[in-house]
Full PDB file with SEQRES, HELIX, SHEET, SSBOND, CRYST1, ORIGX, SCALE, CONECT and MASTER records, all heavy atoms in Angstrom:
SEQRES   1 A   37  GLU TYR VAL LEU GLN MET HIS GLY PHE TYR LEU ASP LYS          
SEQRES   2 A   37  GLU GLU MET SER ILE ARG PHE ASP ILE VAL ILE SER PHE          
SEQRES   3 A   37  ASP ALA LYS ASP ARG GLY ALA VAL TYR GLN ALA                  
HELIX    1 AA1 ARG A   31  GLN A   36  1                                   6    
SHEET    1 AA1 2 VAL A   3  ASP A  12  0                                        
SHEET    2 AA1 2 SER A  17  ILE A  24 -1                                        
CRYST1    1.000    1.000    1.000  90.00  90.00  90.00 P 1           1          
ORIGX1      1.000000  0.000000  0.000000        0.00000                         
ORIGX2      0.000000  1.000000  0.000000        0.00000                         
ORIGX3      0.000000  0.000000  1.000000        0.00000                         
SCALE1      1.000000  0.000000  0.000000        0.00000                         
SCALE2      0.000000  1.000000  0.000000        0.00000                         
SCALE3      0.000000  0.000000  1.000000        0.00000                         
ATOM      1  N   GLU A   1     135.729-143.591 -42.660  1.00  0.00           N  
ATOM      2  CA  GLU A   1     134.526-144.297 -42.219  1.00  0.00           C  
ATOM      3  C   GLU A   1     134.779-145.811 -42.188  1.00  0.00           C  
ATOM      4  O   GLU A   1     135.476-146.351 -43.042  1.00  0.00           O  
ATOM      5  CB  GLU A   1     133.362-143.984 -43.162  1.00  0.00           C  
ATOM      6  CG  GLU A   1     132.022-144.515 -42.675  1.00  0.00           C  
ATOM      7  CD  GLU A   1     130.870-144.147 -43.589  1.00  0.00           C  
ATOM      8  OE1 GLU A   1     131.144-143.640 -44.710  1.00  0.00           O  
ATOM      9  OE2 GLU A   1     129.705-144.354 -43.201  1.00  0.00           O  
ATOM     10  N   TYR A   2     134.224-146.457 -41.188  1.00  0.00           N  
ATOM     11  CA  TYR A   2     134.277-147.903 -40.982  1.00  0.00           C  
ATOM     12  C   TYR A   2     135.591-148.410 -40.387  1.00  0.00           C  
ATOM     13  O   TYR A   2     135.727-149.606 -40.128  1.00  0.00           O  
ATOM     14  CB  TYR A   2     134.007-148.675 -42.286  1.00  0.00           C  
ATOM     15  CG  TYR A   2     132.668-148.366 -42.891  1.00  0.00           C  
ATOM     16  CD1 TYR A   2     132.578-147.825 -44.173  1.00  0.00           C  
ATOM     17  CD2 TYR A   2     131.484-148.598 -42.198  1.00  0.00           C  
ATOM     18  CE1 TYR A   2     131.350-147.529 -44.753  1.00  0.00           C  
ATOM     19  CE2 TYR A   2     130.237-148.302 -42.748  1.00  0.00           C  
ATOM     20  CZ  TYR A   2     130.179-147.767 -44.028  1.00  0.00           C  
ATOM     21  OH  TYR A   2     128.973-147.479 -44.580  1.00  0.00           O  
ATOM     22  N   VAL A   3     136.571-147.526 -40.177  1.00  0.00           N  
ATOM     23  CA  VAL A   3     137.811-147.961 -39.530  1.00  0.00           C  
ATOM     24  C   VAL A   3     137.617-147.932 -38.017  1.00  0.00           C  
ATOM     25  O   VAL A   3     137.316-146.880 -37.442  1.00  0.00           O  
ATOM     26  CB  VAL A   3     139.002-147.075 -39.929  1.00  0.00           C  
ATOM     27  CG1 VAL A   3     140.247-147.488 -39.158  1.00  0.00           C  
ATOM     28  CG2 VAL A   3     139.253-147.184 -41.435  1.00  0.00           C  
ATOM     29  N   LEU A   4     137.772-149.069 -37.381  1.00  0.00           N  
ATOM     30  CA  LEU A   4     137.560-149.168 -35.938  1.00  0.00           C  
ATOM     31  C   LEU A   4     138.843-149.007 -35.144  1.00  0.00           C  
ATOM     32  O   LEU A   4     138.820-148.534 -34.002  1.00  0.00           O  
ATOM     33  CB  LEU A   4     136.931-150.532 -35.590  1.00  0.00           C  
ATOM     34  CG  LEU A   4     135.590-150.861 -36.254  1.00  0.00           C  
ATOM     35  CD1 LEU A   4     135.145-152.264 -35.851  1.00  0.00           C  
ATOM     36  CD2 LEU A   4     134.540-149.835 -35.875  1.00  0.00           C  
ATOM     37  N   GLN A   5     139.970-149.400 -35.759  1.00  0.00           N  
ATOM     38  CA  GLN A   5     141.194-149.435 -34.965  1.00  0.00           C  
ATOM     39  C   GLN A   5     142.412-149.489 -35.885  1.00  0.00           C  
ATOM     40  O   GLN A   5     142.360-150.013 -36.998  1.00  0.00           O  
ATOM     41  CB  GLN A   5     141.160-150.693 -34.077  1.00  0.00           C  
ATOM     42  CG  GLN A   5     142.212-150.768 -32.994  1.00  0.00           C  
ATOM     43  CD  GLN A   5     142.084-152.075 -32.226  1.00  0.00           C  
ATOM     44  OE1 GLN A   5     142.786-153.045 -32.515  1.00  0.00           O  
ATOM     45  NE2 GLN A   5     141.178-152.125 -31.259  1.00  0.00           N  
ATOM     46  N   MET A   6     143.514-148.914 -35.389  1.00  0.00           N  
ATOM     47  CA  MET A   6     144.810-149.032 -36.053  1.00  0.00           C  
ATOM     48  C   MET A   6     145.842-149.355 -34.978  1.00  0.00           C  
ATOM     49  O   MET A   6     145.858-148.735 -33.918  1.00  0.00           O  
ATOM     50  CB  MET A   6     145.179-147.719 -36.760  1.00  0.00           C  
ATOM     51  CG  MET A   6     146.618-147.674 -37.259  1.00  0.00           C  
ATOM     52  SD  MET A   6     147.032-146.091 -38.035  1.00  0.00           S  
ATOM     53  CE  MET A   6     148.825-146.100 -37.858  1.00  0.00           C  
ATOM     54  N   HIS A   7     146.694-150.337 -35.224  1.00  0.00           N  
ATOM     55  CA  HIS A   7     147.676-150.716 -34.214  1.00  0.00           C  
ATOM     56  C   HIS A   7     148.888-151.396 -34.871  1.00  0.00           C  
ATOM     57  O   HIS A   7     148.880-151.702 -36.060  1.00  0.00           O  
ATOM     58  CB  HIS A   7     147.046-151.653 -33.174  1.00  0.00           C  
ATOM     59  CG  HIS A   7     146.484-152.911 -33.760  1.00  0.00           C  
ATOM     60  ND1 HIS A   7     145.142-153.074 -34.015  1.00  0.00           N  
ATOM     61  CD2 HIS A   7     147.072-154.070 -34.153  1.00  0.00           C  
ATOM     62  CE1 HIS A   7     144.915-154.267 -34.532  1.00  0.00           C  
ATOM     63  NE2 HIS A   7     146.078-154.890 -34.635  1.00  0.00           N  
ATOM     64  N   GLY A   8     149.902-151.628 -34.037  1.00  0.00           N  
ATOM     65  CA  GLY A   8     151.101-152.331 -34.505  1.00  0.00           C  
ATOM     66  C   GLY A   8     151.937-151.518 -35.487  1.00  0.00           C  
ATOM     67  O   GLY A   8     152.624-152.089 -36.348  1.00  0.00           O  
ATOM     68  N   PHE A   9     151.929-150.193 -35.349  1.00  0.00           N  
ATOM     69  CA  PHE A   9     152.668-149.344 -36.296  1.00  0.00           C  
ATOM     70  C   PHE A   9     154.169-149.410 -36.035  1.00  0.00           C  
ATOM     71  O   PHE A   9     154.625-149.321 -34.894  1.00  0.00           O  
ATOM     72  CB  PHE A   9     152.202-147.894 -36.179  1.00  0.00           C  
ATOM     73  CG  PHE A   9     152.877-146.969 -37.161  1.00  0.00           C  
ATOM     74  CD1 PHE A   9     152.267-146.672 -38.363  1.00  0.00           C  
ATOM     75  CD2 PHE A   9     154.116-146.401 -36.881  1.00  0.00           C  
ATOM     76  CE1 PHE A   9     152.882-145.818 -39.278  1.00  0.00           C  
ATOM     77  CE2 PHE A   9     154.741-145.555 -37.775  1.00  0.00           C  
ATOM     78  CZ  PHE A   9     154.120-145.265 -38.994  1.00  0.00           C  
ATOM     79  N   TYR A  10     154.926-149.565 -37.132  1.00  0.00           N  
ATOM     80  CA  TYR A  10     156.391-149.464 -37.028  1.00  0.00           C  
ATOM     81  C   TYR A  10     156.956-148.961 -38.348  1.00  0.00           C  
ATOM     82  O   TYR A  10     156.593-149.465 -39.421  1.00  0.00           O  
ATOM     83  CB  TYR A  10     157.017-150.811 -36.691  1.00  0.00           C  
ATOM     84  CG  TYR A  10     158.482-150.681 -36.304  1.00  0.00           C  
ATOM     85  CD1 TYR A  10     158.844-150.277 -35.025  1.00  0.00           C  
ATOM     86  CD2 TYR A  10     159.491-150.914 -37.231  1.00  0.00           C  
ATOM     87  CE1 TYR A  10     160.170-150.126 -34.664  1.00  0.00           C  
ATOM     88  CE2 TYR A  10     160.821-150.764 -36.895  1.00  0.00           C  
ATOM     89  CZ  TYR A  10     161.156-150.369 -35.604  1.00  0.00           C  
ATOM     90  OH  TYR A  10     162.476-150.206 -35.245  1.00  0.00           O  
ATOM     91  N   LEU A  11     157.835-147.959 -38.249  1.00  0.00           N  
ATOM     92  CA  LEU A  11     158.507-147.413 -39.414  1.00  0.00           C  
ATOM     93  C   LEU A  11     159.956-147.871 -39.400  1.00  0.00           C  
ATOM     94  O   LEU A  11     160.688-147.598 -38.442  1.00  0.00           O  
ATOM     95  CB  LEU A  11     158.414-145.887 -39.420  1.00  0.00           C  
ATOM     96  CG  LEU A  11     158.934-145.181 -40.676  1.00  0.00           C  
ATOM     97  CD1 LEU A  11     158.153-143.897 -40.938  1.00  0.00           C  
ATOM     98  CD2 LEU A  11     160.425-144.847 -40.544  1.00  0.00           C  
ATOM     99  N   ASP A  12     160.346-148.584 -40.458  1.00  0.00           N  
ATOM    100  CA  ASP A  12     161.709-149.121 -40.572  1.00  0.00           C  
ATOM    101  C   ASP A  12     162.452-148.339 -41.648  1.00  0.00           C  
ATOM    102  O   ASP A  12     162.180-148.481 -42.841  1.00  0.00           O  
ATOM    103  CB  ASP A  12     161.647-150.608 -40.939  1.00  0.00           C  
ATOM    104  CG  ASP A  12     163.009-151.285 -40.820  1.00  0.00           C  
ATOM    105  OD1 ASP A  12     164.029-150.618 -41.083  1.00  0.00           O  
ATOM    106  OD2 ASP A  12     163.030-152.475 -40.467  1.00  0.00           O  
ATOM    107  N   LYS A  13     163.398-147.468 -41.215  1.00  0.00           N  
ATOM    108  CA  LYS A  13     164.114-146.619 -42.166  1.00  0.00           C  
ATOM    109  C   LYS A  13     165.150-147.398 -42.963  1.00  0.00           C  
ATOM    110  O   LYS A  13     165.498-146.996 -44.079  1.00  0.00           O  
ATOM    111  CB  LYS A  13     164.782-145.462 -41.427  1.00  0.00           C  
ATOM    112  CG  LYS A  13     163.780-144.414 -40.944  1.00  0.00           C  
ATOM    113  CD  LYS A  13     164.476-143.195 -40.366  1.00  0.00           C  
ATOM    114  CE  LYS A  13     163.462-142.110 -40.019  1.00  0.00           C  
ATOM    115  NZ  LYS A  13     164.111-140.900 -39.439  1.00  0.00           N  
ATOM    116  N   GLU A  14     165.666-148.474 -42.404  1.00  0.00           N  
ATOM    117  CA  GLU A  14     166.649-149.272 -43.148  1.00  0.00           C  
ATOM    118  C   GLU A  14     166.000-149.940 -44.354  1.00  0.00           C  
ATOM    119  O   GLU A  14     166.559-149.967 -45.448  1.00  0.00           O  
ATOM    120  CB  GLU A  14     167.267-150.335 -42.232  1.00  0.00           C  
ATOM    121  CG  GLU A  14     168.207-149.767 -41.178  1.00  0.00           C  
ATOM    122  CD  GLU A  14     168.907-150.875 -40.400  1.00  0.00           C  
ATOM    123  OE1 GLU A  14     168.737-152.052 -40.774  1.00  0.00           O  
ATOM    124  OE2 GLU A  14     169.631-150.550 -39.442  1.00  0.00           O  
ATOM    125  N   GLU A  15     164.789-150.497 -44.149  1.00  0.00           N  
ATOM    126  CA  GLU A  15     164.084-151.160 -45.241  1.00  0.00           C  
ATOM    127  C   GLU A  15     163.121-150.213 -45.948  1.00  0.00           C  
ATOM    128  O   GLU A  15     162.467-150.608 -46.922  1.00  0.00           O  
ATOM    129  CB  GLU A  15     163.312-152.370 -44.710  1.00  0.00           C  
ATOM    130  CG  GLU A  15     164.216-153.459 -44.143  1.00  0.00           C  
ATOM    131  CD  GLU A  15     163.434-154.707 -43.768  1.00  0.00           C  
ATOM    132  OE1 GLU A  15     162.193-154.716 -43.948  1.00  0.00           O  
ATOM    133  OE2 GLU A  15     164.059-155.676 -43.308  1.00  0.00           O  
ATOM    134  N   MET A  16     163.038-148.975 -45.424  1.00  0.00           N  
ATOM    135  CA  MET A  16     162.117-147.976 -45.968  1.00  0.00           C  
ATOM    136  C   MET A  16     160.699-148.541 -46.076  1.00  0.00           C  
ATOM    137  O   MET A  16     160.051-148.530 -47.135  1.00  0.00           O  
ATOM    138  CB  MET A  16     162.599-147.484 -47.338  1.00  0.00           C  
ATOM    139  CG  MET A  16     163.906-146.722 -47.295  1.00  0.00           C  
ATOM    140  SD  MET A  16     163.761-145.216 -46.259  1.00  0.00           S  
ATOM    141  CE  MET A  16     162.692-144.206 -47.270  1.00  0.00           C  
ATOM    142  N   SER A  17     160.218-149.020 -44.949  1.00  0.00           N  
ATOM    143  CA  SER A  17     158.883-149.631 -44.928  1.00  0.00           C  
ATOM    144  C   SER A  17     158.071-149.099 -43.748  1.00  0.00           C  
ATOM    145  O   SER A  17     158.626-148.694 -42.723  1.00  0.00           O  
ATOM    146  CB  SER A  17     158.984-151.156 -44.838  1.00  0.00           C  
ATOM    147  OG  SER A  17     159.537-151.556 -43.591  1.00  0.00           O  
ATOM    148  N   ILE A  18     156.775-149.119 -43.935  1.00  0.00           N  
ATOM    149  CA  ILE A  18     155.821-148.784 -42.875  1.00  0.00           C  
ATOM    150  C   ILE A  18     154.863-149.968 -42.746  1.00  0.00           C  
ATOM    151  O   ILE A  18     154.285-150.422 -43.737  1.00  0.00           O  
ATOM    152  CB  ILE A  18     155.016-147.510 -43.210  1.00  0.00           C  
ATOM    153  CG1 ILE A  18     155.924-146.284 -43.219  1.00  0.00           C  
ATOM    154  CG2 ILE A  18     153.869-147.322 -42.213  1.00  0.00           C  
ATOM    155  CD1 ILE A  18     155.217-145.013 -43.674  1.00  0.00           C  
ATOM    156  N   ARG A  19     154.718-150.457 -41.521  1.00  0.00           N  
ATOM    157  CA  ARG A  19     153.804-151.590 -41.328  1.00  0.00           C  
ATOM    158  C   ARG A  19     152.869-151.319 -40.143  1.00  0.00           C  
ATOM    159  O   ARG A  19     153.265-150.758 -39.140  1.00  0.00           O  
ATOM    160  CB  ARG A  19     154.587-152.887 -41.104  1.00  0.00           C  
ATOM    161  CG  ARG A  19     155.524-152.886 -39.894  1.00  0.00           C  
ATOM    162  CD  ARG A  19     156.234-154.230 -39.780  1.00  0.00           C  
ATOM    163  NE  ARG A  19     157.054-154.327 -38.581  1.00  0.00           N  
ATOM    164  CZ  ARG A  19     158.371-154.101 -38.550  1.00  0.00           C  
ATOM    165  NH1 ARG A  19     159.005-153.741 -39.674  1.00  0.00           N  
ATOM    166  NH2 ARG A  19     159.043-154.226 -37.421  1.00  0.00           N  
ATOM    167  N   PHE A  20     151.627-151.732 -40.315  1.00  0.00           N  
ATOM    168  CA  PHE A  20     150.637-151.642 -39.239  1.00  0.00           C  
ATOM    169  C   PHE A  20     149.393-152.426 -39.645  1.00  0.00           C  
ATOM    170  O   PHE A  20     149.247-152.849 -40.809  1.00  0.00           O  
ATOM    171  CB  PHE A  20     150.279-150.175 -38.923  1.00  0.00           C  
ATOM    172  CG  PHE A  20     149.681-149.420 -40.068  1.00  0.00           C  
ATOM    173  CD1 PHE A  20     148.302-149.426 -40.296  1.00  0.00           C  
ATOM    174  CD2 PHE A  20     150.483-148.685 -40.930  1.00  0.00           C  
ATOM    175  CE1 PHE A  20     147.752-148.717 -41.345  1.00  0.00           C  
ATOM    176  CE2 PHE A  20     149.936-147.967 -41.986  1.00  0.00           C  
ATOM    177  CZ  PHE A  20     148.561-147.991 -42.192  1.00  0.00           C  
ATOM    178  N   ASP A  21     148.487-152.618 -38.697  1.00  0.00           N  
ATOM    179  CA  ASP A  21     147.227-153.332 -38.938  1.00  0.00           C  
ATOM    180  C   ASP A  21     146.058-152.363 -38.771  1.00  0.00           C  
ATOM    181  O   ASP A  21     146.124-151.436 -37.954  1.00  0.00           O  
ATOM    182  CB  ASP A  21     147.035-154.488 -37.946  1.00  0.00           C  
ATOM    183  CG  ASP A  21     148.089-155.574 -38.106  1.00  0.00           C  
ATOM    184  OD1 ASP A  21     148.879-155.502 -39.070  1.00  0.00           O  
ATOM    185  OD2 ASP A  21     148.125-156.486 -37.258  1.00  0.00           O  
ATOM    186  N   ILE A  22     144.991-152.583 -39.519  1.00  0.00           N  
ATOM    187  CA  ILE A  22     143.765-151.819 -39.328  1.00  0.00           C  
ATOM    188  C   ILE A  22     142.589-152.790 -39.177  1.00  0.00           C  
ATOM    189  O   ILE A  22     142.582-153.874 -39.755  1.00  0.00           O  
ATOM    190  CB  ILE A  22     143.487-150.842 -40.494  1.00  0.00           C  
ATOM    191  CG1 ILE A  22     143.410-151.592 -41.822  1.00  0.00           C  
ATOM    192  CG2 ILE A  22     144.506-149.740 -40.532  1.00  0.00           C  
ATOM    193  CD1 ILE A  22     142.944-150.738 -42.980  1.00  0.00           C  
ATOM    194  N   VAL A  23     141.624-152.381 -38.371  1.00  0.00           N  
ATOM    195  CA  VAL A  23     140.398-153.168 -38.183  1.00  0.00           C  
ATOM    196  C   VAL A  23     139.268-152.410 -38.864  1.00  0.00           C  
ATOM    197  O   VAL A  23     138.970-151.277 -38.516  1.00  0.00           O  
ATOM    198  CB  VAL A  23     140.078-153.374 -36.687  1.00  0.00           C  
ATOM    199  CG1 VAL A  23     138.768-154.158 -36.537  1.00  0.00           C  
ATOM    200  CG2 VAL A  23     141.222-154.108 -35.991  1.00  0.00           C  
ATOM    201  N   ILE A  24     138.647-153.044 -39.853  1.00  0.00           N  
ATOM    202  CA  ILE A  24     137.565-152.437 -40.614  1.00  0.00           C  
ATOM    203  C   ILE A  24     136.254-153.114 -40.245  1.00  0.00           C  
ATOM    204  O   ILE A  24     136.160-154.340 -40.208  1.00  0.00           O  
ATOM    205  CB  ILE A  24     137.818-152.549 -42.130  1.00  0.00           C  
ATOM    206  CG1 ILE A  24     139.125-151.835 -42.503  1.00  0.00           C  
ATOM    207  CG2 ILE A  24     136.652-151.966 -42.929  1.00  0.00           C  
ATOM    208  CD1 ILE A  24     139.519-152.000 -43.953  1.00  0.00           C  
ATOM    209  N   SER A  25     135.248-152.308 -39.980  1.00  0.00           N  
ATOM    210  CA  SER A  25     133.950-152.825 -39.557  1.00  0.00           C  
ATOM    211  C   SER A  25     133.303-153.685 -40.639  1.00  0.00           C  
ATOM    212  O   SER A  25     133.431-153.430 -41.832  1.00  0.00           O  
ATOM    213  CB  SER A  25     133.018-151.656 -39.210  1.00  0.00           C  
ATOM    214  OG  SER A  25     131.703-152.119 -38.999  1.00  0.00           O  
ATOM    215  N   PHE A  26     132.574-154.717 -40.201  1.00  0.00           N  
ATOM    216  CA  PHE A  26     131.815-155.544 -41.130  1.00  0.00           C  
ATOM    217  C   PHE A  26     130.601-154.799 -41.679  1.00  0.00           C  
ATOM    218  O   PHE A  26     129.923-155.284 -42.585  1.00  0.00           O  
ATOM    219  CB  PHE A  26     131.369-156.836 -40.442  1.00  0.00           C  
ATOM    220  CG  PHE A  26     132.490-157.819 -40.237  1.00  0.00           C  
ATOM    221  CD1 PHE A  26     133.036-158.027 -38.980  1.00  0.00           C  
ATOM    222  CD2 PHE A  26     133.001-158.528 -41.306  1.00  0.00           C  
ATOM    223  CE1 PHE A  26     134.068-158.931 -38.789  1.00  0.00           C  
ATOM    224  CE2 PHE A  26     134.041-159.437 -41.137  1.00  0.00           C  
ATOM    225  CZ  PHE A  26     134.579-159.638 -39.873  1.00  0.00           C  
ATOM    226  N   ASP A  27     130.328-153.608 -41.135  1.00  0.00           N  
ATOM    227  CA  ASP A  27     129.232-152.792 -41.654  1.00  0.00           C  
ATOM    228  C   ASP A  27     129.565-152.231 -43.036  1.00  0.00           C  
ATOM    229  O   ASP A  27     128.666-151.835 -43.785  1.00  0.00           O  
ATOM    230  CB  ASP A  27     128.922-151.635 -40.699  1.00  0.00           C  
ATOM    231  CG  ASP A  27     128.222-152.104 -39.436  1.00  0.00           C  
ATOM    232  OD1 ASP A  27     127.698-153.233 -39.445  1.00  0.00           O  
ATOM    233  OD2 ASP A  27     128.214-151.355 -38.450  1.00  0.00           O  
ATOM    234  N   ALA A  28     130.849-152.170 -43.363  1.00  0.00           N  
ATOM    235  CA  ALA A  28     131.257-151.665 -44.671  1.00  0.00           C  
ATOM    236  C   ALA A  28     130.762-152.613 -45.767  1.00  0.00           C  
ATOM    237  O   ALA A  28     130.908-153.829 -45.655  1.00  0.00           O  
ATOM    238  CB  ALA A  28     132.769-151.518 -44.738  1.00  0.00           C  
ATOM    239  N   LYS A  29     130.183-152.051 -46.821  1.00  0.00           N  
ATOM    240  CA  LYS A  29     129.676-152.886 -47.921  1.00  0.00           C  
ATOM    241  C   LYS A  29     130.814-153.643 -48.594  1.00  0.00           C  
ATOM    242  O   LYS A  29     130.652-154.786 -49.024  1.00  0.00           O  
ATOM    243  CB  LYS A  29     128.935-152.018 -48.933  1.00  0.00           C  
ATOM    244  CG  LYS A  29     127.631-151.429 -48.416  1.00  0.00           C  
ATOM    245  CD  LYS A  29     126.921-150.628 -49.504  1.00  0.00           C  
ATOM    246  CE  LYS A  29     125.606-150.068 -48.990  1.00  0.00           C  
ATOM    247  NZ  LYS A  29     124.889-149.281 -50.028  1.00  0.00           N  
ATOM    248  N   ASP A  30     131.968-152.993 -48.695  1.00  0.00           N  
ATOM    249  CA  ASP A  30     133.132-153.614 -49.323  1.00  0.00           C  
ATOM    250  C   ASP A  30     134.365-153.265 -48.490  1.00  0.00           C  
ATOM    251  O   ASP A  30     134.945-152.193 -48.650  1.00  0.00           O  
ATOM    252  CB  ASP A  30     133.286-153.113 -50.764  1.00  0.00           C  
ATOM    253  CG  ASP A  30     134.364-153.872 -51.542  1.00  0.00           C  
ATOM    254  OD1 ASP A  30     135.196-154.548 -50.895  1.00  0.00           O  
ATOM    255  OD2 ASP A  30     134.365-153.780 -52.777  1.00  0.00           O  
ATOM    256  N   ARG A  31     134.743-154.172 -47.594  1.00  0.00           N  
ATOM    257  CA  ARG A  31     135.902-153.907 -46.730  1.00  0.00           C  
ATOM    258  C   ARG A  31     137.169-153.776 -47.556  1.00  0.00           C  
ATOM    259  O   ARG A  31     138.074-153.012 -47.222  1.00  0.00           O  
ATOM    260  CB  ARG A  31     136.037-155.026 -45.694  1.00  0.00           C  
ATOM    261  CG  ARG A  31     134.849-155.139 -44.754  1.00  0.00           C  
ATOM    262  CD  ARG A  31     134.982-156.361 -43.857  1.00  0.00           C  
ATOM    263  NE  ARG A  31     135.969-156.163 -42.822  1.00  0.00           N  
ATOM    264  CZ  ARG A  31     136.729-157.136 -42.318  1.00  0.00           C  
ATOM    265  NH1 ARG A  31     136.629-158.369 -42.788  1.00  0.00           N  
ATOM    266  NH2 ARG A  31     137.586-156.886 -41.360  1.00  0.00           N  
ATOM    267  N   GLY A  32     137.238-154.540 -48.641  1.00  0.00           N  
ATOM    268  CA  GLY A  32     138.415-154.465 -49.506  1.00  0.00           C  
ATOM    269  C   GLY A  32     138.574-153.097 -50.136  1.00  0.00           C  
ATOM    270  O   GLY A  32     139.698-152.595 -50.279  1.00  0.00           O  
ATOM    271  N   ALA A  33     137.443-152.485 -50.495  1.00  0.00           N  
ATOM    272  CA  ALA A  33     137.491-151.150 -51.106  1.00  0.00           C  
ATOM    273  C   ALA A  33     137.964-150.116 -50.093  1.00  0.00           C  
ATOM    274  O   ALA A  33     138.739-149.205 -50.434  1.00  0.00           O  
ATOM    275  CB  ALA A  33     136.110-150.779 -51.648  1.00  0.00           C  
ATOM    276  N   VAL A  34     137.511-150.242 -48.849  1.00  0.00           N  
ATOM    277  CA  VAL A  34     137.949-149.328 -47.788  1.00  0.00           C  
ATOM    278  C   VAL A  34     139.452-149.475 -47.568  1.00  0.00           C  
ATOM    279  O   VAL A  34     140.194-148.491 -47.453  1.00  0.00           O  
ATOM    280  CB  VAL A  34     137.188-149.609 -46.472  1.00  0.00           C  
ATOM    281  CG1 VAL A  34     137.726-148.735 -45.342  1.00  0.00           C  
ATOM    282  CG2 VAL A  34     135.693-149.379 -46.651  1.00  0.00           C  
ATOM    283  N   TYR A  35     139.896-150.736 -47.541  1.00  0.00           N  
ATOM    284  CA  TYR A  35     141.329-151.026 -47.359  1.00  0.00           C  
ATOM    285  C   TYR A  35     142.155-150.390 -48.486  1.00  0.00           C  
ATOM    286  O   TYR A  35     143.169-149.732 -48.232  1.00  0.00           O  
ATOM    287  CB  TYR A  35     141.534-152.546 -47.336  1.00  0.00           C  
ATOM    288  CG  TYR A  35     142.980-152.980 -47.375  1.00  0.00           C  
ATOM    289  CD1 TYR A  35     143.702-153.181 -46.208  1.00  0.00           C  
ATOM    290  CD2 TYR A  35     143.636-153.186 -48.589  1.00  0.00           C  
ATOM    291  CE1 TYR A  35     145.034-153.568 -46.246  1.00  0.00           C  
ATOM    292  CE2 TYR A  35     144.961-153.572 -48.650  1.00  0.00           C  
ATOM    293  CZ  TYR A  35     145.659-153.763 -47.473  1.00  0.00           C  
ATOM    294  OH  TYR A  35     146.971-154.155 -47.503  1.00  0.00           O  
ATOM    295  N   GLN A  36     141.714-150.563 -49.712  1.00  0.00           N  
ATOM    296  CA  GLN A  36     142.477-150.051 -50.855  1.00  0.00           C  
ATOM    297  C   GLN A  36     142.524-148.534 -50.859  1.00  0.00           C  
ATOM    298  O   GLN A  36     143.561-147.940 -51.196  1.00  0.00           O  
ATOM    299  CB  GLN A  36     141.861-150.563 -52.161  1.00  0.00           C  
ATOM    300  CG  GLN A  36     142.721-150.311 -53.385  1.00  0.00           C  
ATOM    301  CD  GLN A  36     144.088-150.955 -53.270  1.00  0.00           C  
ATOM    302  OE1 GLN A  36     144.213-152.134 -52.963  1.00  0.00           O  
ATOM    303  NE2 GLN A  36     145.142-150.153 -53.508  1.00  0.00           N  
ATOM    304  N   ALA A  37     141.426-147.907 -50.462  1.00  0.00           N  
ATOM    305  CA  ALA A  37     141.391-146.444 -50.414  1.00  0.00           C  
ATOM    306  C   ALA A  37     142.405-145.902 -49.408  1.00  0.00           C  
ATOM    307  O   ALA A  37     143.092-144.904 -49.674  1.00  0.00           O  
ATOM    308  CB  ALA A  37     139.984-145.969 -50.066  1.00  0.00           C  
TER     309      ALA A  37                                                      
MASTER        0    0    0    1    2    0    0    6  308    1    0    3          
END                                                                             
Protein backbone atom coordinates (compact mmCIF):
# COMPACT_ATOMS: atom_id res chain seq x y z
CA GLU A 1 0.00 0.00 0.00
CA TYR A 2 1.07 3.57 -0.84
CA VAL A 3 3.79 2.49 -3.30
CA LEU A 4 3.22 4.38 -6.55
CA GLN A 5 6.24 3.35 -8.56
CA MET A 6 9.45 1.33 -8.66
CA HIS A 7 12.22 2.05 -11.17
CA GLY A 8 15.96 2.07 -11.82
CA PHE A 9 16.44 -1.58 -10.82
CA TYR A 10 19.89 -3.11 -11.25
CA LEU A 11 21.40 -6.26 -9.78
CA ASP A 12 25.20 -6.24 -9.54
CA LYS A 13 26.57 -9.76 -8.94
CA GLU A 14 30.16 -8.59 -8.59
CA GLU A 15 29.29 -6.28 -5.69
CA MET A 16 26.37 -8.49 -4.62
CA SER A 17 24.05 -5.51 -4.50
CA ILE A 18 20.53 -4.64 -5.57
CA ARG A 19 19.64 -1.01 -6.23
CA PHE A 20 16.42 0.71 -7.24
CA ASP A 21 14.14 3.65 -6.36
CA ILE A 22 10.58 3.60 -5.04
CA VAL A 23 7.98 6.38 -5.00
CA ILE A 24 5.81 6.38 -1.88
CA SER A 25 2.60 8.39 -1.75
CA PHE A 26 2.34 11.37 0.59
CA ASP A 27 -0.97 9.83 1.69
CA ALA A 28 1.02 7.42 3.85
CA LYS A 29 0.99 8.51 7.51
CA ASP A 30 4.64 7.51 7.83
CA ARG A 31 6.52 7.17 4.54
CA GLY A 32 9.62 6.12 6.45
CA ALA A 33 7.76 3.21 8.02
CA VAL A 34 6.54 2.04 4.60
CA TYR A 35 10.10 2.29 3.28
CA GLN A 36 11.52 0.28 6.17
CA ALA A 37 8.89 -2.43 5.83
